[in-house]
PDB file of N, CA and C in Angstrom:
ATOM      1  N   UNK A   1       0.990  -0.855  -0.146  1.00  0.00           N
ATOM      2  CA  UNK A   1      -0.174  -0.191   0.182  1.00  0.00           C
ATOM      3  C   UNK A   1       0.408   1.507  -0.060  1.00  0.00           C
ATOM      4  N   UNK A   2       1.058   1.844  -0.688  1.00  0.00           N
ATOM      5  CA  UNK A   2       1.617   3.433  -0.712  1.00  0.00           C
ATOM      6  C   UNK A   2       2.011   3.964   0.440  1.00  0.00           C
ATOM      7  N   UNK A   3       2.627   4.799   0.558  1.00  0.00           N
ATOM      8  CA  UNK A   3       2.100   5.590   1.785  1.00  0.00           C
ATOM      9  C   UNK A   3       1.162   7.042   2.445  1.00  0.00           C
ATOM     10  N   UNK A   4       1.405   7.222   0.858  1.00  0.00           N
ATOM     11  CA  UNK A   4       0.362   7.922   0.988  1.00  0.00           C
ATOM     12  C   UNK A   4      -0.935   8.082   0.057  1.00  0.00           C
ATOM     13  N   UNK A   5      -2.660   7.214  -0.024  1.00  0.00           N
ATOM     14  CA  UNK A   5      -2.777   6.634  -0.813  1.00  0.00           C
ATOM     15  C   UNK A   5      -4.059   8.020  -2.433  1.00  0.00           C
ATOM     16  N   UNK A   6      -3.394   9.121  -1.214  1.00  0.00           N
ATOM     17  CA  UNK A   6      -4.056  10.680  -1.920  1.00  0.00           C
ATOM     18  C   UNK A   6      -3.469  10.764  -2.978  1.00  0.00           C
ATOM     19  N   UNK A   7      -2.022  10.673  -2.542  1.00  0.00           N
ATOM     20  CA  UNK A   7      -1.461  11.585  -3.200  1.00  0.00           C
ATOM     21  C   UNK A   7      -1.008  10.519  -4.485  1.00  0.00           C
ATOM     22  N   UNK A   8      -0.552   9.039  -4.641  1.00  0.00           N
ATOM     23  CA  UNK A   8      -0.735   8.725  -5.254  1.00  0.00           C
ATOM     24  C   UNK A   8      -2.053   7.982  -6.348  1.00  0.00           C
ATOM     25  N   UNK A   9      -3.431   8.574  -6.140  1.00  0.00           N
ATOM     26  CA  UNK A   9      -4.198   8.703  -6.910  1.00  0.00           C
ATOM     27  C   UNK A   9      -4.339  10.222  -7.673  1.00  0.00           C
ATOM     28  N   UNK A  10      -3.685  11.559  -7.417  1.00  0.00           N
ATOM     29  CA  UNK A  10      -3.482  12.371  -7.619  1.00  0.00           C
ATOM     30  C   UNK A  10      -3.248  12.002  -8.904  1.00  0.00           C
ATOM     31  N   UNK A  11      -1.303  11.302  -8.495  1.00  0.00           N
ATOM     32  CA  UNK A  11      -0.135  10.889  -9.197  1.00  0.00           C
ATOM     33  C   UNK A  11      -0.952  10.402 -10.206  1.00  0.00           C
ATOM     34  N   UNK A  12      -1.560   9.660 -10.220  1.00  0.00           N
ATOM     35  CA  UNK A  12      -2.090   7.874 -11.052  1.00  0.00           C
ATOM     36  C   UNK A  12      -2.892   7.645 -10.547  1.00  0.00           C
ATOM     37  N   UNK A  13      -4.014   8.051 -12.171  1.00  0.00           N
ATOM     38  CA  UNK A  13      -5.456   7.925 -11.732  1.00  0.00           C
ATOM     39  C   UNK A  13      -5.972   6.451 -11.583  1.00  0.00           C
ATOM     40  N   UNK A  14      -4.900   5.632 -12.467  1.00  0.00           N
ATOM     41  CA  UNK A  14      -5.387   3.967 -12.848  1.00  0.00           C
ATOM     42  C   UNK A  14      -4.862   2.786 -11.667  1.00  0.00           C
ATOM     43  N   UNK A  15      -3.615   3.335 -10.655  1.00  0.00           N
ATOM     44  CA  UNK A  15      -3.251   3.028 -10.156  1.00  0.00           C
ATOM     45  C   UNK A  15      -3.775   1.269  -9.454  1.00  0.00           C
ATOM     46  N   UNK A  16      -4.658   1.937  -8.470  1.00  0.00           N
ATOM     47  CA  UNK A  16      -5.214   1.334  -7.465  1.00  0.00           C
ATOM     48  C   UNK A  16      -6.251   0.221  -8.317  1.00  0.00           C
ATOM     49  N   UNK A  17      -6.420   0.396  -9.570  1.00  0.00           N
ATOM     50  CA  UNK A  17      -7.340  -0.652 -10.221  1.00  0.00           C
ATOM     51  C   UNK A  17      -6.348  -1.356 -10.350  1.00  0.00           C
ATOM     52  N   UNK A  18      -5.180  -0.942 -11.132  1.00  0.00           N
ATOM     53  CA  UNK A  18      -4.350  -2.022 -11.986  1.00  0.00           C
ATOM     54  C   UNK A  18      -3.516  -3.045 -10.925  1.00  0.00           C
ATOM     55  N   UNK A  19      -3.897  -2.104  -9.656  1.00  0.00           N
ATOM     56  CA  UNK A  19      -3.097  -3.189  -8.213  1.00  0.00           C
ATOM     57  C   UNK A  19      -4.621  -4.614  -7.902  1.00  0.00           C
ATOM     58  N   UNK A  20      -5.876  -3.437  -8.369  1.00  0.00           N
ATOM     59  CA  UNK A  20      -6.608  -4.783  -7.882  1.00  0.00           C
ATOM     60  C   UNK A  20      -6.808  -5.429  -8.686  1.00  0.00           C
ATOM     61  N   UNK A  21      -6.683  -4.978  -9.890  1.00  0.00           N
ATOM     62  CA  UNK A  21      -6.617  -6.053 -11.866  1.00  0.00           C
ATOM     63  C   UNK A  21      -5.636  -7.504 -11.425  1.00  0.00           C
ATOM     64  N   UNK A  22      -4.633  -6.953 -11.119  1.00  0.00           N
ATOM     65  CA  UNK A  22      -3.244  -7.537 -10.597  1.00  0.00           C
ATOM     66  C   UNK A  22      -4.138  -9.546 -10.060  1.00  0.00           C
ATOM     67  N   UNK A  23      -4.016  -8.129  -8.381  1.00  0.00           N
ATOM     68  CA  UNK A  23      -4.072  -9.723  -7.894  1.00  0.00           C
ATOM     69  C   UNK A  23      -5.607 -10.560  -7.950  1.00  0.00           C
ATOM     70  N   UNK A  24      -6.455 -10.062  -8.763  1.00  0.00           N
ATOM     71  CA  UNK A  24      -7.303 -10.846  -9.150  1.00  0.00           C
ATOM     72  C   UNK A  24      -7.151 -11.934  -9.948  1.00  0.00           C
ATOM     73  N   UNK A  25      -6.076 -11.004 -10.760  1.00  0.00           N
ATOM     74  CA  UNK A  25      -5.787 -12.381 -11.255  1.00  0.00           C
ATOM     75  C   UNK A  25      -4.799 -12.958 -11.282  1.00  0.00           C
ATOM     76  N   UNK A  26      -4.255 -13.209 -10.141  1.00  0.00           N
ATOM     77  CA  UNK A  26      -3.482 -13.703  -9.834  1.00  0.00           C
ATOM     78  C   UNK A  26      -3.746 -15.216  -8.473  1.00  0.00           C
ATOM     79  N   UNK A  27      -4.885 -14.781  -7.788  1.00  0.00           N
ATOM     80  CA  UNK A  27      -5.541 -15.092  -7.142  1.00  0.00           C
ATOM     81  C   UNK A  27      -7.134 -16.010  -7.573  1.00  0.00           C
ATOM     82  N   UNK A  28      -7.295 -15.804  -9.469  1.00  0.00           N
ATOM     83  CA  UNK A  28      -7.845 -15.785 -10.195  1.00  0.00           C
ATOM     84  C   UNK A  28      -9.733 -15.896 -10.219  1.00  0.00           C
ATOM     85  N   UNK A  29      -9.470 -14.539  -9.231  1.00  0.00           N
ATOM     86  CA  UNK A  29     -10.462 -14.714  -8.943  1.00  0.00           C
ATOM     87  C   UNK A  29     -11.498 -12.958  -9.296  1.00  0.00           C
ATOM     88  N   UNK A  30     -12.683 -12.663  -9.061  1.00  0.00           N
ATOM     89  CA  UNK A  30     -13.231 -11.313  -9.107  1.00  0.00           C
ATOM     90  C   UNK A  30     -13.247 -10.123  -8.317  1.00  0.00           C
ATOM     91  N   UNK A  31     -13.008  -9.207  -8.397  1.00  0.00           N
ATOM     92  CA  UNK A  31     -12.862  -8.066  -7.076  1.00  0.00           C
ATOM     93  C   UNK A  31     -14.303  -7.008  -7.357  1.00  0.00           C
ATOM     94  N   UNK A  32     -15.021  -6.735  -7.005  1.00  0.00           N
ATOM     95  CA  UNK A  32     -16.271  -5.702  -6.888  1.00  0.00           C
ATOM     96  C   UNK A  32     -15.804  -5.344  -5.243  1.00  0.00           C
ATOM     97  N   UNK A  33     -15.601  -3.580  -6.114  1.00  0.00           N
ATOM     98  CA  UNK A  33     -15.499  -2.737  -5.469  1.00  0.00           C
ATOM     99  C   UNK A  33     -16.969  -2.221  -5.528  1.00  0.00           C
ATOM    100  N   UNK A  34     -17.691  -1.101  -4.309  1.00  0.00           N
ATOM    101  CA  UNK A  34     -18.094  -0.538  -3.802  1.00  0.00           C
ATOM    102  C   UNK A  34     -18.323   0.912  -2.728  1.00  0.00           C
ATOM    103  N   UNK A  35     -18.351   1.950  -4.288  1.00  0.00           N
ATOM    104  CA  UNK A  35     -17.854   2.790  -3.153  1.00  0.00           C
ATOM    105  C   UNK A  35     -19.729   3.547  -3.041  1.00  0.00           C
ATOM    106  N   UNK A  36     -20.451   3.339  -1.278  1.00  0.00           N
ATOM    107  CA  UNK A  36     -21.022   4.691  -1.062  1.00  0.00           C
ATOM    108  C   UNK A  36     -20.765   6.124  -0.351  1.00  0.00           C
ATOM    109  N   UNK A  37     -21.705   6.656  -0.942  1.00  0.00           N
ATOM    110  CA  UNK A  37     -21.719   7.963  -0.769  1.00  0.00           C
ATOM    111  C   UNK A  37     -20.247   8.510  -1.871  1.00  0.00           C
ATOM    112  N   UNK A  38     -20.522   8.504  -2.880  1.00  0.00           N
ATOM    113  CA  UNK A  38     -19.482   8.967  -3.845  1.00  0.00           C
ATOM    114  C   UNK A  38     -19.911  10.099  -4.376  1.00  0.00           C
ATOM    115  N   UNK A  39     -21.480  10.560  -4.478  1.00  0.00           N
ATOM    116  CA  UNK A  39     -22.527  11.844  -4.010  1.00  0.00           C
ATOM    117  C   UNK A  39     -21.450  12.651  -3.557  1.00  0.00           C
ATOM    118  N   UNK A  40     -20.525  12.926  -2.517  1.00  0.00           N
ATOM    119  CA  UNK A  40     -20.675  13.218  -1.381  1.00  0.00           C
ATOM    120  C   UNK A  40     -19.220  14.557  -2.202  1.00  0.00           C
ATOM    121  N   UNK A  41     -17.936  13.283  -3.331  1.00  0.00           N
ATOM    122  CA  UNK A  41     -17.371  14.613  -3.790  1.00  0.00           C
ATOM    123  C   UNK A  41     -17.691  15.141  -4.990  1.00  0.00           C
ATOM    124  N   UNK A  42     -18.695  14.902  -5.351  1.00  0.00           N
ATOM    125  CA  UNK A  42     -19.458  17.010  -5.636  1.00  0.00           C
ATOM    126  C   UNK A  42     -19.731  17.752  -4.405  1.00  0.00           C
ATOM    127  N   UNK A  43     -20.365  16.773  -3.685  1.00  0.00           N
ATOM    128  CA  UNK A  43     -21.499  17.934  -2.248  1.00  0.00           C
ATOM    129  C   UNK A  43     -20.255  19.080  -1.512  1.00  0.00           C
ATOM    130  N   UNK A  44     -19.382  17.542  -1.169  1.00  0.00           N
ATOM    131  CA  UNK A  44     -18.459  18.021  -0.192  1.00  0.00           C
ATOM    132  C   UNK A  44     -17.203  19.223  -0.378  1.00  0.00           C
ATOM    133  N   UNK A  45     -16.518  18.829  -1.950  1.00  0.00           N
ATOM    134  CA  UNK A  45     -15.653  19.440  -1.958  1.00  0.00           C
ATOM    135  C   UNK A  45     -15.363  20.532  -3.383  1.00  0.00           C
ATOM    136  N   UNK A  46     -15.115  21.366  -2.852  1.00  0.00           N
ATOM    137  CA  UNK A  46     -15.454  22.721  -3.364  1.00  0.00           C
ATOM    138  C   UNK A  46     -14.411  22.977  -4.758  1.00  0.00           C
ATOM    139  N   UNK A  47     -13.415  22.273  -4.561  1.00  0.00           N
ATOM    140  CA  UNK A  47     -12.791  22.839  -5.879  1.00  0.00           C
ATOM    141  C   UNK A  47     -12.667  21.470  -6.082  1.00  0.00           C
ATOM    142  N   UNK A  48     -12.802  22.117  -8.045  1.00  0.00           N
ATOM    143  CA  UNK A  48     -13.144  21.806  -8.665  1.00  0.00           C
ATOM    144  C   UNK A  48     -12.184  20.324  -9.142  1.00  0.00           C
ATOM    145  N   UNK A  49     -10.522  21.296  -9.835  1.00  0.00           N
ATOM    146  CA  UNK A  49      -9.677  19.957  -9.667  1.00  0.00           C
ATOM    147  C   UNK A  49      -9.427  18.999  -8.991  1.00  0.00           C
ATOM    148  N   UNK A  50     -10.410  19.266  -7.337  1.00  0.00           N
ATOM    149  CA  UNK A  50      -9.619  18.384  -6.682  1.00  0.00           C
ATOM    150  C   UNK A  50     -10.984  17.174  -6.635  1.00  0.00           C
ATOM    151  N   UNK A  51     -11.431  17.184  -7.466  1.00  0.00           N
ATOM    152  CA  UNK A  51     -12.807  16.357  -7.371  1.00  0.00           C
ATOM    153  C   UNK A  51     -12.426  15.766  -8.577  1.00  0.00           C
TER     154      UNK A  51
END
């Protein structure tokens, strides 16, 4: 896991998807990511660049 996950996502938006797909392939399984309250990204974050 990266030291600063938020910074990693800013620099490499596909980082976690890549890691999860690799893990699923190694384990021959599927991974479901469910993001709850995603709307808060738009309602609580005022900086458009950060959104």
